[in-house]
N, C-alpha and C. Protein backbone atom coordinates (compact mmCIF):
# COMPACT_ATOMS: atom_id res chain seq x y z
N MET A 1 74.26 109.06 103.27
CA MET A 1 73.38 107.93 102.25
C MET A 1 73.32 108.30 100.86
N GLU A 2 73.45 109.98 100.57
CA GLU A 2 73.67 110.08 99.31
C GLU A 2 75.33 109.72 98.66
N LYS A 3 76.36 109.62 99.17
CA LYS A 3 77.55 109.27 98.75
C LYS A 3 76.88 107.62 98.21
N LEU A 4 76.39 107.02 99.06
CA LEU A 4 75.88 105.64 98.57
C LEU A 4 75.23 105.53 97.37
N ARG A 5 74.01 106.41 97.45
CA ARG A 5 73.29 106.29 95.90
C ARG A 5 73.85 107.29 94.64
N ASN A 6 75.07 107.84 95.20
CA ASN A 6 75.79 108.39 93.93
C ASN A 6 76.91 107.44 93.58
N SER A 7 77.46 106.97 94.10
CA SER A 7 78.21 105.73 93.92
C SER A 7 77.43 104.55 93.26
N LEU A 8 76.41 104.07 93.89
CA LEU A 8 75.27 103.16 93.17
C LEU A 8 74.88 103.49 91.49
N ASP A 9 74.44 104.83 91.53
CA ASP A 9 74.51 105.42 90.51
C ASP A 9 75.35 105.22 89.24
N LYS A 10 76.26 105.71 89.72
CA LYS A 10 77.63 105.62 88.51
C LYS A 10 78.14 104.23 88.28
N LEU A 11 77.66 103.32 89.09
CA LEU A 11 78.07 101.85 88.99
C LEU A 11 77.24 101.27 87.92
N ILE A 12 76.06 101.71 88.66
CA ILE A 12 75.08 100.96 87.15
C ILE A 12 75.18 101.61 85.89
N LEU A 13 75.12 102.99 85.93
CA LEU A 13 75.01 103.23 84.83
C LEU A 13 76.27 102.98 84.02
N PHE A 14 77.37 103.05 84.28
CA PHE A 14 78.60 102.29 84.11
C PHE A 14 78.48 100.87 83.38
N ILE A 15 77.95 100.18 84.10
CA ILE A 15 77.63 98.71 83.61
C ILE A 15 76.64 98.63 82.67
N CYS A 16 75.37 99.42 82.38
CA CYS A 16 74.29 99.43 81.41
C CYS A 16 75.24 100.13 80.10
N VAL A 17 76.11 101.24 80.29
CA VAL A 17 76.60 101.41 78.84
C VAL A 17 77.81 100.57 78.35
N VAL A 18 78.48 99.68 79.38
CA VAL A 18 79.16 98.78 78.64
C VAL A 18 78.24 97.74 78.32
N LEU A 19 77.16 97.50 78.87
CA LEU A 19 76.67 96.10 78.15
C LEU A 19 75.72 96.81 76.91
N PHE A 20 75.45 97.77 76.95
CA PHE A 20 75.01 98.61 75.44
C PHE A 20 76.23 98.36 74.43
N MET A 21 77.17 98.83 74.72
CA MET A 21 78.54 98.74 73.92
C MET A 21 78.84 97.50 73.27
N PHE A 22 78.74 96.58 74.13
CA PHE A 22 79.21 95.42 74.06
C PHE A 22 77.81 94.49 73.15
N MET A 23 76.91 95.11 73.21
CA MET A 23 75.61 94.83 72.29
C MET A 23 75.56 95.14 70.87
N THR A 24 76.39 95.96 70.89
CA THR A 24 76.43 96.92 69.61
C THR A 24 77.58 96.34 68.82
N VAL A 25 78.67 96.08 69.75
CA VAL A 25 79.77 95.38 68.93
C VAL A 25 79.53 94.03 68.25
N VAL A 26 78.62 93.23 69.22
CA VAL A 26 78.35 92.07 68.72
C VAL A 26 77.35 91.67 68.07
N GLY A 27 76.31 92.68 67.94
CA GLY A 27 75.38 93.07 67.10
C GLY A 27 75.91 93.04 65.71
N THR A 28 76.67 94.05 65.78
CA THR A 28 77.48 94.68 64.19
C THR A 28 78.32 93.34 63.78
N TYR A 29 79.08 92.56 64.40
CA TYR A 29 79.68 91.28 64.59
C TYR A 29 78.66 90.45 63.71
N GLN A 30 77.34 89.95 64.46
CA GLN A 30 76.51 89.41 64.03
C GLN A 30 75.67 89.57 62.51
N ILE A 31 75.82 90.84 61.92
CA ILE A 31 75.18 90.90 61.13
C ILE A 31 76.23 91.00 59.75
N SER A 32 77.36 91.59 60.29
CA SER A 32 78.62 91.15 59.25
C SER A 32 78.85 89.82 58.85
N ALA A 33 78.82 89.20 59.72
CA ALA A 33 79.16 87.44 59.69
C ALA A 33 77.89 86.90 59.06
N ARG A 34 76.72 87.19 59.08
CA ARG A 34 75.56 86.73 58.28
C ARG A 34 75.34 87.26 56.88
N TYR A 35 75.84 88.70 56.84
CA TYR A 35 75.18 89.00 55.46
C TYR A 35 76.41 89.33 54.57
N ILE A 36 77.64 89.71 55.15
CA ILE A 36 78.88 89.91 54.36
C ILE A 36 79.53 88.49 54.07
N PHE A 37 79.83 87.94 55.18
CA PHE A 37 80.64 86.88 55.25
C PHE A 37 80.02 85.46 55.24
N LYS A 38 78.81 85.60 54.90
CA LYS A 38 77.86 84.42 54.71
C LYS A 38 78.52 83.32 55.74
N ASP A 39 78.60 83.32 56.91
CA ASP A 39 79.09 82.68 57.94
C ASP A 39 78.23 83.26 59.21
N PRO A 40 76.95 82.69 59.76
CA PRO A 40 76.40 83.30 60.73
C PRO A 40 76.94 82.60 62.30
N SER A 41 77.15 83.63 63.14
CA SER A 41 77.53 83.24 64.33
C SER A 41 76.47 82.69 65.24
N THR A 42 76.28 81.64 65.97
CA THR A 42 75.83 80.74 66.58
C THR A 42 75.53 81.18 68.16
N ILE A 43 76.76 81.97 68.28
CA ILE A 43 76.93 82.93 69.85
C ILE A 43 76.35 83.97 70.09
N SER A 44 76.51 84.59 69.17
CA SER A 44 76.33 86.12 68.90
C SER A 44 75.03 86.20 69.52
N GLU A 45 74.00 86.19 69.12
CA GLU A 45 72.35 85.83 69.00
C GLU A 45 72.10 85.79 71.04
N GLU A 46 72.98 84.65 71.52
CA GLU A 46 72.68 84.35 72.71
C GLU A 46 73.45 85.46 73.67
N LEU A 47 74.77 85.77 73.30
CA LEU A 47 75.42 86.92 74.02
C LEU A 47 74.39 88.06 73.63
N ILE A 48 73.74 88.90 72.86
CA ILE A 48 72.81 89.88 72.87
C ILE A 48 71.88 89.58 73.69
N SER A 49 71.14 88.35 73.51
CA SER A 49 69.93 88.20 74.42
C SER A 49 70.00 88.36 75.82
N TYR A 50 71.10 87.46 76.31
CA TYR A 50 71.52 87.93 77.72
C TYR A 50 72.31 89.16 78.31
N SER A 51 72.55 89.67 77.52
CA SER A 51 73.58 90.93 77.77
C SER A 51 72.06 91.67 77.82
N PHE A 52 71.19 91.90 76.68
CA PHE A 52 70.12 92.73 76.78
C PHE A 52 69.23 92.53 78.26
N ALA A 53 68.90 91.34 78.75
CA ALA A 53 68.17 90.92 79.98
C ALA A 53 69.19 91.42 81.15
N TRP A 54 70.65 91.85 81.51
CA TRP A 54 71.12 91.76 82.09
C TRP A 54 71.23 93.77 82.29
N MET A 55 71.25 94.13 81.26
CA MET A 55 71.20 95.74 81.06
C MET A 55 69.44 96.31 81.41
N SER A 56 68.72 95.22 80.83
CA SER A 56 67.26 95.90 81.35
C SER A 56 67.02 95.91 82.79
N MET A 57 67.74 94.85 83.49
CA MET A 57 67.51 94.69 84.70
C MET A 57 68.00 95.94 85.54
N PHE A 58 69.59 95.94 85.28
CA PHE A 58 70.29 96.89 86.01
C PHE A 58 69.45 98.24 85.63
N ALA A 59 69.06 98.96 84.34
CA ALA A 59 68.27 100.00 84.11
C ALA A 59 67.02 99.93 85.00
N ALA A 60 66.76 99.03 85.19
CA ALA A 60 65.12 99.25 85.81
C ALA A 60 65.43 99.32 87.74
N SER A 61 66.64 98.93 87.74
CA SER A 61 67.16 98.90 89.35
C SER A 61 67.40 100.80 89.31
N TYR A 62 67.83 100.86 88.47
CA TYR A 62 68.49 102.80 88.32
C TYR A 62 67.23 103.35 88.39
N VAL A 63 66.26 103.25 87.54
CA VAL A 63 64.68 103.84 87.48
C VAL A 63 64.09 103.90 88.66
N PHE A 64 64.05 102.65 89.19
CA PHE A 64 63.53 102.65 90.78
C PHE A 64 64.25 103.69 91.69
N GLY A 65 65.59 103.52 91.62
CA GLY A 65 66.28 104.32 92.57
C GLY A 65 66.05 105.88 92.20
N LYS A 66 65.77 106.35 91.35
CA LYS A 66 65.81 107.73 90.59
C LYS A 66 64.38 107.87 91.01
N LYS A 67 63.35 107.13 91.02
CA LYS A 67 61.98 107.53 91.42
C LYS A 67 61.32 108.08 89.60
N ASP A 68 62.13 107.38 88.55
CA ASP A 68 61.70 108.10 87.53
C ASP A 68 60.61 106.71 86.67
N HIS A 69 60.42 105.75 87.72
CA HIS A 69 59.52 104.96 86.90
C HIS A 69 57.87 105.75 86.68
N MET A 70 57.41 104.79 85.65
CA MET A 70 55.57 105.26 85.41
C MET A 70 55.01 105.24 86.78
N ARG A 71 54.15 106.08 86.59
CA ARG A 71 53.47 106.21 87.93
C ARG A 71 52.56 106.80 87.10
N MET A 72 51.22 106.80 87.84
CA MET A 72 49.87 107.85 87.76
C MET A 72 49.65 108.41 89.46
N VAL A 73 49.88 109.76 88.94
CA VAL A 73 50.01 110.58 89.98
C VAL A 73 48.62 111.60 89.81
N PHE A 74 47.56 111.33 89.33
CA PHE A 74 46.52 112.21 89.24
C PHE A 74 45.50 111.78 90.67
N PHE A 75 45.69 110.63 91.10
CA PHE A 75 44.82 110.25 92.24
C PHE A 75 45.94 110.66 93.69
N ILE A 76 47.14 110.57 93.40
CA ILE A 76 47.97 110.97 94.90
C ILE A 76 47.74 112.42 94.74
N GLU A 77 47.72 113.37 93.94
CA GLU A 77 48.03 114.48 93.90
C GLU A 77 46.48 115.39 94.29
N LYS A 78 45.51 114.57 94.59
CA LYS A 78 44.54 114.88 95.41
C LYS A 78 44.44 115.13 96.82
N PHE A 79 45.98 114.72 97.28
CA PHE A 79 45.78 114.72 99.00
C PHE A 79 46.59 115.86 99.07
N ASP A 80 46.65 116.37 100.28
CA ASP A 80 47.82 117.21 100.57
C ASP A 80 49.49 116.55 101.00
N LYS A 81 50.46 117.49 101.12
CA LYS A 81 51.50 116.83 100.72
C LYS A 81 51.94 115.98 102.15
N LYS A 82 51.52 115.90 103.11
CA LYS A 82 52.04 115.16 104.28
C LYS A 82 51.52 113.65 103.95
N ILE A 83 50.06 113.80 103.40
CA ILE A 83 49.45 112.43 102.76
C ILE A 83 50.17 111.73 101.56
N GLN A 84 50.79 112.55 100.70
CA GLN A 84 51.28 112.21 99.55
C GLN A 84 52.52 111.34 99.88
N ILE A 85 53.30 111.88 101.24
CA ILE A 85 54.67 111.41 101.37
C ILE A 85 54.28 110.14 102.20
N TYR A 86 53.20 110.03 103.04
CA TYR A 86 52.88 108.65 103.58
C TYR A 86 52.58 107.58 102.43
N ILE A 87 52.05 108.17 101.36
CA ILE A 87 51.27 107.06 99.99
C ILE A 87 52.75 106.50 99.63
N SER A 88 53.62 107.72 99.46
CA SER A 88 54.94 107.11 98.67
C SER A 88 55.66 106.11 99.49
N ILE A 89 56.04 106.63 100.92
CA ILE A 89 56.42 105.50 102.05
C ILE A 89 55.89 104.18 101.59
N LEU A 90 54.17 103.84 101.79
CA LEU A 90 54.09 102.80 101.67
C LEU A 90 54.01 102.31 100.16
N CYS A 91 54.34 102.84 98.94
CA CYS A 91 54.51 102.11 97.81
C CYS A 91 56.43 101.70 97.92
N GLU A 92 57.18 102.42 98.64
CA GLU A 92 58.44 102.06 98.67
C GLU A 92 58.44 100.92 99.48
N ILE A 93 57.54 100.84 100.49
CA ILE A 93 57.55 99.67 101.16
C ILE A 93 57.18 98.34 100.30
N PHE A 94 56.40 98.28 99.60
CA PHE A 94 55.62 97.69 98.60
C PHE A 94 56.81 97.30 97.49
N ILE A 95 57.84 97.99 97.11
CA ILE A 95 58.80 97.73 96.41
C ILE A 95 59.81 96.85 96.85
N PHE A 96 60.10 97.81 98.12
CA PHE A 96 61.20 96.75 99.01
C PHE A 96 60.74 95.15 99.19
N LEU A 97 59.46 94.91 99.27
CA LEU A 97 58.88 93.62 99.86
C LEU A 97 59.03 92.65 98.28
N PHE A 98 58.66 93.32 97.23
CA PHE A 98 58.72 92.87 96.00
C PHE A 98 60.19 92.72 95.91
N ALA A 99 60.98 93.25 95.97
CA ALA A 99 62.04 93.25 95.43
C ALA A 99 62.82 92.24 96.16
N PHE A 100 62.81 92.26 97.30
CA PHE A 100 63.44 91.21 98.09
C PHE A 100 62.82 89.93 98.35
N GLY A 101 61.45 89.85 98.14
CA GLY A 101 60.94 88.29 98.01
C GLY A 101 60.81 87.70 96.95
N VAL A 102 60.40 88.57 95.61
CA VAL A 102 60.83 87.84 94.30
C VAL A 102 61.94 87.97 93.57
N LEU A 103 62.75 89.05 93.28
CA LEU A 103 64.04 89.16 92.81
C LEU A 103 64.94 88.68 93.91
N VAL A 104 65.07 89.04 94.91
CA VAL A 104 66.36 88.22 95.76
C VAL A 104 65.98 86.81 96.00
N CYS A 105 64.99 86.48 97.00
CA CYS A 105 65.02 84.98 97.22
C CYS A 105 64.62 84.07 96.31
N GLY A 106 63.26 84.71 95.31
CA GLY A 106 62.74 83.75 93.89
C GLY A 106 64.36 83.78 92.99
N GLY A 107 64.52 84.87 92.83
CA GLY A 107 66.05 84.91 91.91
C GLY A 107 66.98 83.82 92.56
N LYS A 108 67.36 84.08 93.98
CA LYS A 108 68.31 83.07 94.19
C LYS A 108 67.87 81.31 94.14
N ALA A 109 66.52 81.21 94.20
CA ALA A 109 66.29 79.84 94.15
C ALA A 109 66.32 79.54 92.84
N ILE A 110 65.92 80.56 91.67
CA ILE A 110 66.14 80.06 90.33
C ILE A 110 67.64 79.79 89.81
N THR A 111 68.14 80.82 90.51
CA THR A 111 69.72 80.67 90.10
C THR A 111 70.50 79.34 90.07
N GLU A 112 69.96 79.05 91.57
CA GLU A 112 70.41 77.46 92.53
C GLU A 112 69.90 76.63 91.29
N LEU A 113 68.53 76.71 91.27
CA LEU A 113 67.91 75.43 90.14
C LEU A 113 68.37 75.29 88.89
N THR A 114 69.22 76.40 88.25
CA THR A 114 69.75 76.44 86.60
C THR A 114 70.80 76.18 86.86
N MET A 115 71.73 76.43 87.79
CA MET A 115 73.38 76.08 87.76
C MET A 115 73.88 74.93 86.96
N THR A 116 72.95 73.87 87.03
CA THR A 116 73.24 72.53 86.37
C THR A 116 72.83 72.70 84.72
N GLN A 117 72.02 73.86 84.67
CA GLN A 117 71.52 73.51 83.22
C GLN A 117 72.94 74.52 82.45
N ILE A 118 72.76 74.24 81.01
CA ILE A 118 73.64 74.65 80.26
C ILE A 118 73.22 75.42 78.93
N SER A 119 73.74 76.71 78.56
CA SER A 119 72.96 77.39 77.59
C SER A 119 73.56 76.46 76.20
N PRO A 120 72.48 76.57 75.22
CA PRO A 120 72.57 75.80 73.83
C PRO A 120 74.37 76.26 73.37
N ALA A 121 74.37 77.66 72.91
CA ALA A 121 75.33 78.19 72.42
C ALA A 121 76.80 78.52 72.97
N LEU A 122 76.48 79.39 73.96
CA LEU A 122 77.84 79.79 74.77
C LEU A 122 78.37 78.41 75.98
N ARG A 123 77.40 77.97 76.17
CA ARG A 123 78.11 76.48 76.86
C ARG A 123 78.39 76.79 78.46
N VAL A 124 77.57 77.85 78.97
CA VAL A 124 77.78 78.13 80.15
C VAL A 124 76.74 78.19 81.08
N SER A 125 76.33 77.94 82.30
CA SER A 125 75.78 77.74 83.21
C SER A 125 74.52 78.55 83.23
N MET A 126 73.45 78.25 83.20
CA MET A 126 72.06 79.35 83.12
C MET A 126 72.02 80.18 84.37
N GLY A 127 72.65 79.72 85.52
CA GLY A 127 72.60 80.18 86.69
C GLY A 127 73.31 81.36 86.87
N TYR A 128 74.26 81.85 85.94
CA TYR A 128 75.12 82.99 85.87
C TYR A 128 74.22 83.96 85.04
N VAL A 129 73.54 83.07 84.33
CA VAL A 129 72.61 84.61 83.49
C VAL A 129 71.41 84.93 84.63
N TYR A 130 70.75 84.04 85.11
CA TYR A 130 69.74 84.03 86.23
C TYR A 130 70.51 84.97 87.19
N SER A 131 71.61 84.85 87.36
CA SER A 131 72.09 85.65 88.95
C SER A 131 71.75 87.05 88.77
N VAL A 132 71.43 87.53 87.60
CA VAL A 132 71.09 89.17 87.66
C VAL A 132 69.90 89.40 88.31
N LEU A 133 69.01 88.40 88.57
CA LEU A 133 67.91 88.81 89.71
C LEU A 133 68.00 88.72 90.80
N PRO A 134 68.49 88.19 91.62
CA PRO A 134 69.24 88.67 92.76
C PRO A 134 69.87 89.55 93.28
N THR A 135 70.68 89.55 91.85
CA THR A 135 71.52 91.10 92.10
C THR A 135 71.15 92.49 91.91
N CYS A 136 70.26 92.39 91.04
CA CYS A 136 69.45 93.72 91.36
C CYS A 136 68.33 93.65 91.67
N GLY A 137 67.70 92.65 92.62
CA GLY A 137 67.01 92.88 93.72
C GLY A 137 67.63 93.43 94.66
N VAL A 138 69.11 92.87 95.20
CA VAL A 138 69.54 93.48 96.26
C VAL A 138 69.49 95.29 95.94
N ILE A 139 70.15 95.54 94.45
CA ILE A 139 70.24 96.97 94.57
C ILE A 139 68.75 97.93 94.44
N THR A 140 68.12 97.08 93.97
CA THR A 140 66.35 97.80 94.37
C THR A 140 65.86 97.92 95.62
N SER A 141 66.51 97.03 96.49
CA SER A 141 66.47 96.89 97.90
C SER A 141 66.84 98.19 98.44
N ILE A 142 68.21 98.52 98.13
CA ILE A 142 68.87 99.34 98.66
C ILE A 142 68.34 100.45 98.38
N TYR A 143 68.23 100.60 96.92
CA TYR A 143 67.29 101.67 96.41
C TYR A 143 66.65 102.34 97.12
N SER A 144 65.16 101.46 97.48
CA SER A 144 64.15 101.27 97.99
C SER A 144 64.21 101.85 99.62
N ILE A 145 65.41 101.25 100.35
CA ILE A 145 65.55 102.02 101.56
C ILE A 145 65.91 103.35 101.97
N LEU A 146 67.05 103.61 100.57
CA LEU A 146 67.24 105.31 100.51
C LEU A 146 66.45 105.89 100.27
N ASN A 147 65.40 105.41 99.57
CA ASN A 147 64.06 106.61 98.83
C ASN A 147 63.47 106.41 100.44
N ILE A 148 62.98 105.41 100.87
CA ILE A 148 62.53 105.92 102.25
C ILE A 148 62.98 106.64 103.15
N ASN A 149 64.30 106.50 103.58
CA ASN A 149 64.87 107.34 103.94
C ASN A 149 65.05 108.96 103.75
N ASN A 150 64.88 109.22 102.24
CA ASN A 150 64.71 110.66 101.69
C ASN A 150 63.27 110.92 102.46
N LEU A 151 62.66 110.37 102.35
CA LEU A 151 60.78 110.77 102.54
C LEU A 151 60.81 110.93 103.98
N LEU A 152 61.45 110.36 104.81
CA LEU A 152 60.92 110.35 106.34
C LEU A 152 61.91 111.44 106.36
N LYS A 153 63.11 111.85 105.94
CA LYS A 153 63.75 113.48 106.16
C LYS A 153 62.73 114.21 105.66
N GLU A 154 62.32 114.46 104.87
CA GLU A 154 61.21 115.16 104.10
C GLU A 154 59.98 115.30 105.30
N LEU A 155 59.34 114.31 105.48
CA LEU A 155 58.66 114.22 106.58
C LEU A 155 58.97 115.04 107.86
N LYS A 156 60.08 114.97 108.36
CA LYS A 156 60.66 115.29 109.63
C LYS A 156 60.95 116.86 109.39
N GLU A 157 61.21 117.32 108.14
CA GLU A 157 61.52 118.61 108.11
C GLU A 157 60.18 119.36 107.86
N GLY A 158 59.28 119.21 107.92
CA GLY A 158 57.92 119.56 107.82
C GLY A 158 57.24 120.10 106.66
N VAL A 159 57.45 118.99 105.61
CA VAL A 159 57.01 119.20 104.31
C VAL A 159 56.63 121.20 104.02
C-alpha cells in the first residue's frame, strides 16, 4: 500500500511541477507579448487559467492524501487516542463519499455534458478541461482508502 501511495505522490508532484513550469513560461510569454511586442496573445490567458485549475485540483488531491489539509483539532484532541482514530476514520469515509459522489460521478456528468462546448480561444472541447474533476476524484478516493487502511492498522496495533 505504501508503494502505491509513494508512486501516486511522485506522479502528482511531477504533474504539479510541470504545470507550474508551463504556467510560468506561458505567463512570461503573455507579459512579453503584451508589453514588449504590443501584440497580446489570446490563447495564453486561457492556457494559464486551465493549467491553474488542473494544478489546483491535483495539489488538493495530494494534500488530502498527505492529510495536510486545514483542520480544527481543538475538539478532537479532547478525546483519547482510540476515539480520535474512530473520528478520523469517519472523516475519511465522508471524504471518500464526497470525492466519489461529487468529483467522480458529478465530474463525469459535467465532462460528458461539456464535450460539445468549445473554448473560445483554444478551440478545444471544454470536456477535456473538466475531466480533471473525475480524475482527481479517483485520486482522492484512492488516498482516502489508503488513509483508512493506515488508521485501521494503527487501531489494530493497539494505539
